[in-house]
Protein backbone atom coordinates (compact mmCIF):
# COMPACT_ATOMS: atom_id res chain seq x y z
CA MET A 1 0.00 0.00 0.00
CA LEU A 2 1.44 3.32 -1.10
CA PHE A 3 0.81 6.57 0.68
CA ILE A 4 0.20 9.73 -1.34
CA HIS A 5 3.63 11.18 -0.46
CA GLN A 6 5.30 8.10 -1.98
CA TYR A 7 4.13 9.02 -5.48
CA PRO A 8 6.43 11.07 -7.73
CA ASP A 9 5.59 14.81 -7.73
CA TRP A 10 2.91 14.15 -5.12
CA THR A 11 2.58 17.84 -4.27
CA ASN A 12 1.27 18.61 -7.75
CA PHE A 13 -2.11 17.88 -6.23
CA ARG A 14 -4.78 16.57 -8.57
CA TYR A 15 -8.45 17.37 -8.14
CA ASP A 16 -11.58 17.58 -10.27
CA LEU A 17 -11.50 21.23 -11.29
CA LEU A 18 -15.19 21.55 -12.19
CA LYS A 19 -16.51 19.96 -8.97
CA THR A 20 -14.00 21.77 -6.80
CA LEU A 21 -14.53 25.23 -8.25
CA SER A 22 -18.32 24.80 -8.19
CA ALA A 23 -18.27 23.95 -4.48
CA LEU A 24 -15.75 26.71 -3.80
CA ALA A 25 -17.87 29.33 -5.58
CA GLU A 26 -20.88 28.36 -3.47
CA VAL A 27 -18.88 28.73 -0.25
CA ARG A 28 -17.40 32.07 -1.30
CA ALA A 29 -20.79 33.54 -2.21
CA PHE A 30 -22.27 32.49 1.14
CA GLN A 31 -19.17 33.65 3.00
CA GLY A 32 -19.26 37.11 1.44
CA LYS A 33 -23.00 37.56 2.02
CA LEU A 34 -22.91 36.53 5.68
CA SER A 35 -19.68 38.27 6.63
CA GLY A 36 -20.71 41.49 4.96
CA LYS A 37 -23.98 41.67 6.89
CA LEU A 38 -22.49 40.73 10.26
CA LEU A 39 -19.49 43.04 10.01
CA PHE A 40 -21.78 45.89 9.00
CA ALA A 41 -24.10 45.24 11.94
CA PHE A 42 -21.66 44.31 14.70
CA GLY A 43 -18.11 45.25 13.72
CA GLU A 44 -15.16 43.02 14.63
CA GLU A 45 -15.60 43.13 18.41
CA LYS A 46 -18.59 40.78 18.42
CA SER A 47 -16.69 38.09 16.53
CA LYS A 48 -14.07 37.61 19.24
CA SER A 49 -16.13 35.07 21.16
CA VAL A 50 -16.62 33.08 17.95
CA ARG A 51 -12.91 33.11 17.23
CA LEU A 52 -12.07 31.92 20.75
CA ARG A 53 -14.61 29.12 20.39
CA ASP A 54 -13.09 28.12 17.06
CA TRP A 55 -9.54 28.08 18.45
CA GLN A 56 -10.65 25.91 21.35
CA ALA A 57 -12.31 23.52 18.87
CA LEU A 58 -9.18 23.57 16.71
CA LEU A 59 -7.23 22.09 19.63
CA ALA A 60 -10.04 19.90 20.96
CA ILE A 61 -10.10 17.87 17.74
CA ASP A 62 -6.81 16.37 18.97
CA GLY A 63 -8.00 16.21 22.57
CA VAL A 64 -6.06 19.30 23.67
CA HIS A 65 -7.77 21.80 25.98
CA GLY A 66 -6.67 25.07 27.56
CA ASP A 67 -6.38 28.82 27.21
CA ILE A 68 -4.78 29.52 23.85
CA ARG A 69 -5.45 33.21 23.40
CA SER A 70 -1.91 34.29 24.24
CA ALA A 71 -0.48 31.73 21.81
CA LEU A 72 -2.63 32.64 18.82
CA VAL A 73 -3.79 36.24 19.07
CA HIS A 74 -0.50 37.70 17.82
CA THR A 75 -0.33 35.15 15.01
CA PHE A 76 -3.79 36.04 13.75
CA GLU A 77 -3.25 39.77 14.13
CA ASN A 78 -0.59 39.23 11.46
CA TYR A 79 -2.51 36.66 9.42
CA ASP A 80 -1.23 38.01 6.10
CA SER A 81 2.47 37.93 7.08
CA PRO A 82 4.71 35.35 5.36
CA LEU A 83 5.70 32.33 7.43
CA ASP A 84 9.07 30.58 7.48
CA THR A 85 10.24 27.45 9.26
CA LYS A 86 11.59 29.35 12.29
CA ALA A 87 8.27 31.16 12.79
CA LEU A 88 6.43 27.86 12.50
CA CYS A 89 8.68 26.26 15.12
CA ARG A 90 8.16 29.21 17.47
CA LEU A 91 4.40 28.87 17.07
CA HIS A 92 4.69 25.13 17.74
CA ALA A 93 6.60 25.85 20.95
CA SER A 94 4.07 28.50 22.03
CA LEU A 95 1.38 25.79 22.03
CA GLY A 96 3.36 23.74 24.54
CA TYR A 97 5.17 21.41 22.13
CA ASN A 98 8.96 21.15 21.71
CA GLY A 99 9.28 23.56 18.75
CA TYR A 100 11.66 21.31 16.77
CA LEU A 101 11.23 19.51 13.47
CA ARG A 102 11.48 15.75 13.85
CA GLU A 103 14.87 14.35 12.81
CA ASN A 104 15.21 10.69 13.68
CA SER A 105 11.72 9.30 14.00
CA SER A 106 8.48 8.93 12.09
CA SER A 107 5.17 10.55 12.91
CA GLY A 108 1.83 9.10 12.03
CA ILE A 109 -1.52 7.75 13.20
CA SER A 110 -3.21 4.34 13.30
CA PHE A 111 -6.40 3.79 11.33
CA LEU A 112 -8.66 1.09 9.90
CA THR A 113 -8.57 0.30 6.18
CA LYS A 114 -11.73 -0.24 4.12
CA SER A 115 -11.37 -3.97 4.77
CA GLY A 116 -11.29 -3.36 8.51
CA GLU A 117 -7.59 -4.06 8.97
CA GLN A 118 -5.42 -1.97 11.29
CA ALA A 119 -2.92 0.23 9.41
CA PHE A 120 -0.50 2.99 10.27
CA PHE A 121 -0.07 6.15 8.23
CA SER A 122 3.43 7.59 8.45
CA GLY A 123 4.39 11.06 7.28
CA VAL A 124 7.37 11.69 5.02
CA SER A 125 10.71 10.30 6.16
CA ALA A 126 12.69 12.46 8.61
CA GLU A 127 15.35 13.38 6.03
CA ARG A 128 12.66 14.81 3.73
CA VAL A 129 10.90 16.94 6.35
CA GLU A 130 12.80 20.19 5.94
CA THR A 131 12.67 20.17 2.13
CA GLU A 132 8.98 19.22 2.03
CA LEU A 133 8.09 21.86 4.62
CA SER A 134 9.94 24.53 2.61
CA LEU A 135 7.83 23.66 -0.45
CA LEU A 136 4.67 23.88 1.62
CA LEU A 137 5.56 27.29 3.07
CA GLU A 138 6.47 28.60 -0.39
CA PHE A 139 2.99 27.60 -1.54
CA PHE A 140 1.33 29.05 1.58
CA ASN A 141 3.08 32.40 1.16
CA ASN A 142 2.86 32.82 -2.60
CA ALA A 143 0.12 30.63 -4.15
CA GLU A 144 -2.02 32.55 -6.65
CA LEU A 145 -5.14 30.59 -5.81
CA ASP A 146 -8.31 31.41 -3.92
CA PRO A 147 -7.35 31.45 -0.20
CA VAL A 148 -10.17 29.04 0.71
CA LEU A 149 -8.75 26.53 -1.77
CA VAL A 150 -5.29 27.18 -0.32
CA ALA A 151 -6.72 26.50 3.15
CA GLY A 152 -7.99 23.08 2.08
CA ILE A 153 -4.78 22.11 0.30
CA ILE A 154 -2.44 23.37 3.03
CA HIS A 155 -4.45 21.57 5.72
CA PHE A 156 -4.09 18.21 3.98
CA TRP A 157 -0.52 18.83 2.85
CA PHE A 158 0.80 19.65 6.32
CA LEU A 159 -0.88 16.61 7.85
CA THR A 160 0.69 14.47 5.16
CA ILE A 161 4.23 15.73 5.84
CA ARG A 162 3.78 15.64 9.65
CA PRO A 163 6.95 17.72 10.25
CA PHE A 164 6.75 17.58 14.06
CA GLN A 165 6.78 14.61 16.36
CA SER A 166 3.48 15.79 17.89
CA GLY A 167 1.01 18.63 17.46
CA ASN A 168 0.76 18.25 13.69
CA GLY A 169 -3.04 18.37 13.70
CA CYS A 170 -3.14 21.64 15.64
CA MET A 171 -0.49 23.22 13.42
CA ALA A 172 -2.20 22.09 10.20
CA ARG A 173 -5.47 23.63 11.33
CA ILE A 174 -3.76 26.88 12.38
CA LEU A 175 -2.24 27.26 8.90
CA CYS A 176 -5.64 26.44 7.41
CA ASP A 177 -7.24 29.06 9.68
CA LEU A 178 -4.69 31.68 8.63
CA ALA A 179 -5.54 31.02 4.99
CA LEU A 180 -9.24 31.41 5.81
CA SER A 181 -8.44 34.74 7.48
CA ARG A 182 -6.78 35.81 4.25
CA SER A 183 -9.95 34.83 2.39
CA GLU A 184 -11.91 37.23 4.64
CA ASN A 185 -9.17 39.91 4.73
CA SER A 186 -9.68 39.86 8.49
CA ALA A 187 -8.56 37.94 11.55
CA PHE A 188 -12.18 37.97 12.71
CA ARG A 189 -15.01 35.69 11.62
CA PHE A 190 -18.57 35.07 12.70
CA TYR A 191 -18.62 31.37 11.85
CA SER A 192 -16.70 28.49 13.42
CA VAL A 193 -15.20 26.04 10.93
CA PHE A 194 -13.36 23.90 13.47
CA ALA A 195 -16.33 23.70 15.83
CA GLN A 196 -18.15 22.22 12.83
CA ILE A 197 -15.31 19.78 12.10
CA LEU A 198 -15.23 18.81 15.79
CA LYS A 199 -18.87 17.73 15.46
CA ASN A 200 -17.78 15.42 12.63
CA LYS A 201 -14.43 14.35 14.08
CA GLU A 202 -14.66 10.69 13.02
CA GLU A 203 -15.63 11.65 9.48
CA TYR A 204 -12.75 14.16 9.42
CA PHE A 205 -10.12 11.54 10.20
CA LEU A 206 -11.73 9.01 7.89
CA ILE A 207 -11.63 11.29 4.82
CA LEU A 208 -8.01 12.19 5.57
CA GLU A 209 -7.06 8.51 5.87
CA ARG A 210 -8.84 7.59 2.64
CA THR A 211 -7.02 10.41 0.83
CA TRP A 212 -3.61 9.47 2.24
CA VAL A 213 -3.91 5.96 0.82
CA GLY A 214 -5.66 6.98 -2.39
CA ASN A 215 -4.19 7.44 -5.84
CA GLY A 216 -3.07 11.03 -5.27
CA ASN A 217 -6.39 12.72 -6.08
CA ILE A 218 -7.60 15.03 -3.29
CA THR A 219 -11.02 15.94 -4.71
CA LYS A 220 -13.02 14.12 -2.03
CA TRP A 221 -11.03 15.80 0.74
CA LEU A 222 -11.54 19.28 -0.73
CA LEU A 223 -15.27 18.76 -1.27
CA TRP A 224 -15.65 17.51 2.31
CA PHE A 225 -13.65 20.47 3.65
CA PHE A 226 -15.79 22.95 1.69
CA SER A 227 -18.93 21.23 2.95
CA GLN A 228 -17.80 21.84 6.54
CA ILE A 229 -17.28 25.55 5.85
CA LYS A 230 -20.73 25.75 4.28
CA SER A 231 -22.30 23.97 7.27
CA ALA A 232 -20.51 26.38 9.62
CA LEU A 233 -21.88 29.31 7.63
CA VAL A 234 -25.43 27.89 7.71
CA PHE A 235 -25.19 27.39 11.48
CA ALA A 236 -23.87 30.93 11.96
CA GLU A 237 -26.64 32.41 9.84
CA LYS A 238 -29.22 30.81 12.13
CA GLU A 239 -27.27 31.65 15.28
CA TRP A 240 -27.03 35.34 14.38
CA GLU A 241 -30.46 35.69 12.76
CA ILE A 242 -32.32 37.30 15.68
CA PRO A 243 -29.45 39.53 16.93
CA LEU A 244 -28.84 40.64 13.35
CA ALA A 245 -32.50 41.50 12.74
CA GLU A 246 -32.68 43.48 15.98
CA THR A 247 -29.43 45.33 15.31
CA LEU A 248 -30.29 46.20 11.73
CA GLN A 249 -33.70 47.38 12.85
CA ARG A 250 -32.13 49.70 15.44
CA LEU A 251 -29.72 51.02 12.82
CA ARG A 252 -32.56 51.62 10.41
CA LEU A 253 -34.78 53.31 12.98
CA GLY A 254 -32.08 55.49 14.47
CA ASN A 255 -33.46 58.65 12.85
CA VAL A 256 -37.11 57.58 12.53
CA SER A 257 -39.82 58.71 14.94
CA LEU A 258 -42.29 55.93 15.78
CA LEU A 259 -45.55 56.09 17.68
CA PRO A 260 -46.01 53.68 20.61
CA ARG A 261 -48.35 51.39 18.63
CA GLU A 262 -45.90 51.33 15.72
CA MET A 263 -43.15 50.21 18.10
CA SER A 264 -45.52 47.50 19.37
CA LEU A 265 -46.11 46.38 15.79
CA LEU A 266 -42.37 45.99 15.17
CA GLU A 267 -41.98 44.00 18.37
CA PHE A 268 -44.89 41.78 17.39
CA LEU A 269 -43.38 41.11 13.96
CA ARG A 270 -40.02 40.24 15.50
CA LYS A 271 -41.56 37.67 17.83
CA ASN A 272 -44.26 36.17 15.61
CA GLY A 273 -42.88 35.18 12.27
CA GLY A 274 -42.19 38.46 10.52
CA GLU A 275 -45.49 38.97 8.65
CA ILE A 276 -48.98 40.09 9.64
CA SER A 277 -52.28 41.03 7.99
CA SER A 278 -54.28 44.15 8.80
CA SER A 279 -57.15 42.09 10.24
CA LYS A 280 -54.82 40.19 12.55
CA TRP A 281 -53.22 43.43 13.74
CA ALA A 282 -56.64 44.96 14.34
CA ASN A 283 -57.61 41.96 16.48
CA GLN A 284 -54.28 41.99 18.29
CA GLU A 285 -54.60 45.65 19.32
CA ASN A 286 -58.40 45.73 19.56
CA ILE A 287 -58.59 48.55 17.02
CA SER A 288 -60.63 49.12 13.86
CA HIS A 289 -59.50 47.72 10.52
CA ASP A 290 -59.06 51.27 9.23
CA SER A 291 -56.77 52.10 12.16
CA ALA A 292 -54.68 49.03 11.42
CA LEU A 293 -54.37 50.07 7.78
CA ARG A 294 -53.28 53.55 8.86
CA ASP A 295 -50.54 51.98 11.00
CA PHE A 296 -49.26 50.03 8.01
CA LYS A 297 -49.49 53.03 5.68
CA SER A 298 -47.52 55.21 8.09
CA MET A 299 -44.75 52.66 8.47
CA ILE A 300 -44.56 52.01 4.73
CA GLU A 301 -44.14 55.77 4.18
CA LYS A 302 -41.36 55.78 6.79
CA GLY A 303 -39.60 53.04 4.85
CA ILE A 304 -39.93 50.44 7.59
CA LEU A 305 -42.60 48.05 6.31
CA GLU A 306 -43.47 46.68 2.90
CA LYS A 307 -46.24 44.54 1.44
CA ASN A 308 -45.47 40.95 0.65
CA PRO A 309 -45.94 41.02 -3.16
CA LYS A 310 -47.20 37.41 -3.12
CA THR A 311 -50.28 38.42 -1.09
CA LYS A 312 -53.28 40.45 -2.25
CA GLY A 313 -56.62 41.89 -1.12
CA ARG A 314 -57.86 40.81 2.31
CA ASN A 315 -54.93 38.37 2.50
CA THR A 316 -52.32 41.12 2.09
CA LYS A 317 -49.51 40.72 4.60
CA TYR A 318 -46.94 43.25 5.72
CA ARG A 319 -43.32 42.68 6.76
CA VAL A 320 -40.23 44.60 7.87
CA LYS A 321 -38.03 45.72 4.98
CA ASN A 322 -34.48 44.46 4.84
CA ILE A 323 -31.79 47.04 5.54
CA LEU A 324 -29.34 45.19 3.27
């Protein structure tokens, strides 16, 4: 059984371009839409708790727990800075490992093959580590590819080399995270990729193992990695939905004068599904139908509400307009 790094020119990674770019485009569109809204509404400060949660998950995948802010904050403040081997070793040491490339021993993990047999994946031989790591860092610093694609490739590549005796998983995910920061042009994010991967930890190791012993094609790994980013984005969209709606509403209403009943209408819409008919509002407030219509007309003129174009006549429903 050959491992991927035993093939000639193994770092000229092969993948299905059409499938990969299609999945990547979907992730990038979602990423831009969500990040744009959340940064507009909250700024970077609100994302700090998400980043801390993601860093904790990044370590927890390998069973490591602890306070890592001091070890990673400086690194991510300089996410777009080039990395060399010395900087990588310093980062390795800052996480509590020895900070030295392995020289005389192998590094790998045990796993089960498709037939259920126990196998052991070993990274590149010790004498190849420095050269292979230099190639990886050259790619990380200078690749003219989408940074999300770089993140997926660098993650797999580092774990295949396994340049340290221990801590390779954490280091691979940190490099991946730095590439994702470059994709956002920010050290801050509102979605947690590694918290998502932690939920699917067994699947994560399985897809890595299958790719290590495959024929050198990394398509399945990249598609799985992109799917985890997408799932993290979907989760974040739901997690931030209510705070985002409330914040955008406050921003929108900052210079708008509302009557008490109009404020009550906004609160009702926020808590009860986002749409309401004039008859339902009349019943809710114990007012006439004409009064309810006047409430809606006033708020439409103020640019706060709009009619749902799919509803008409007595079934017309009104909803809060989007700020973005």
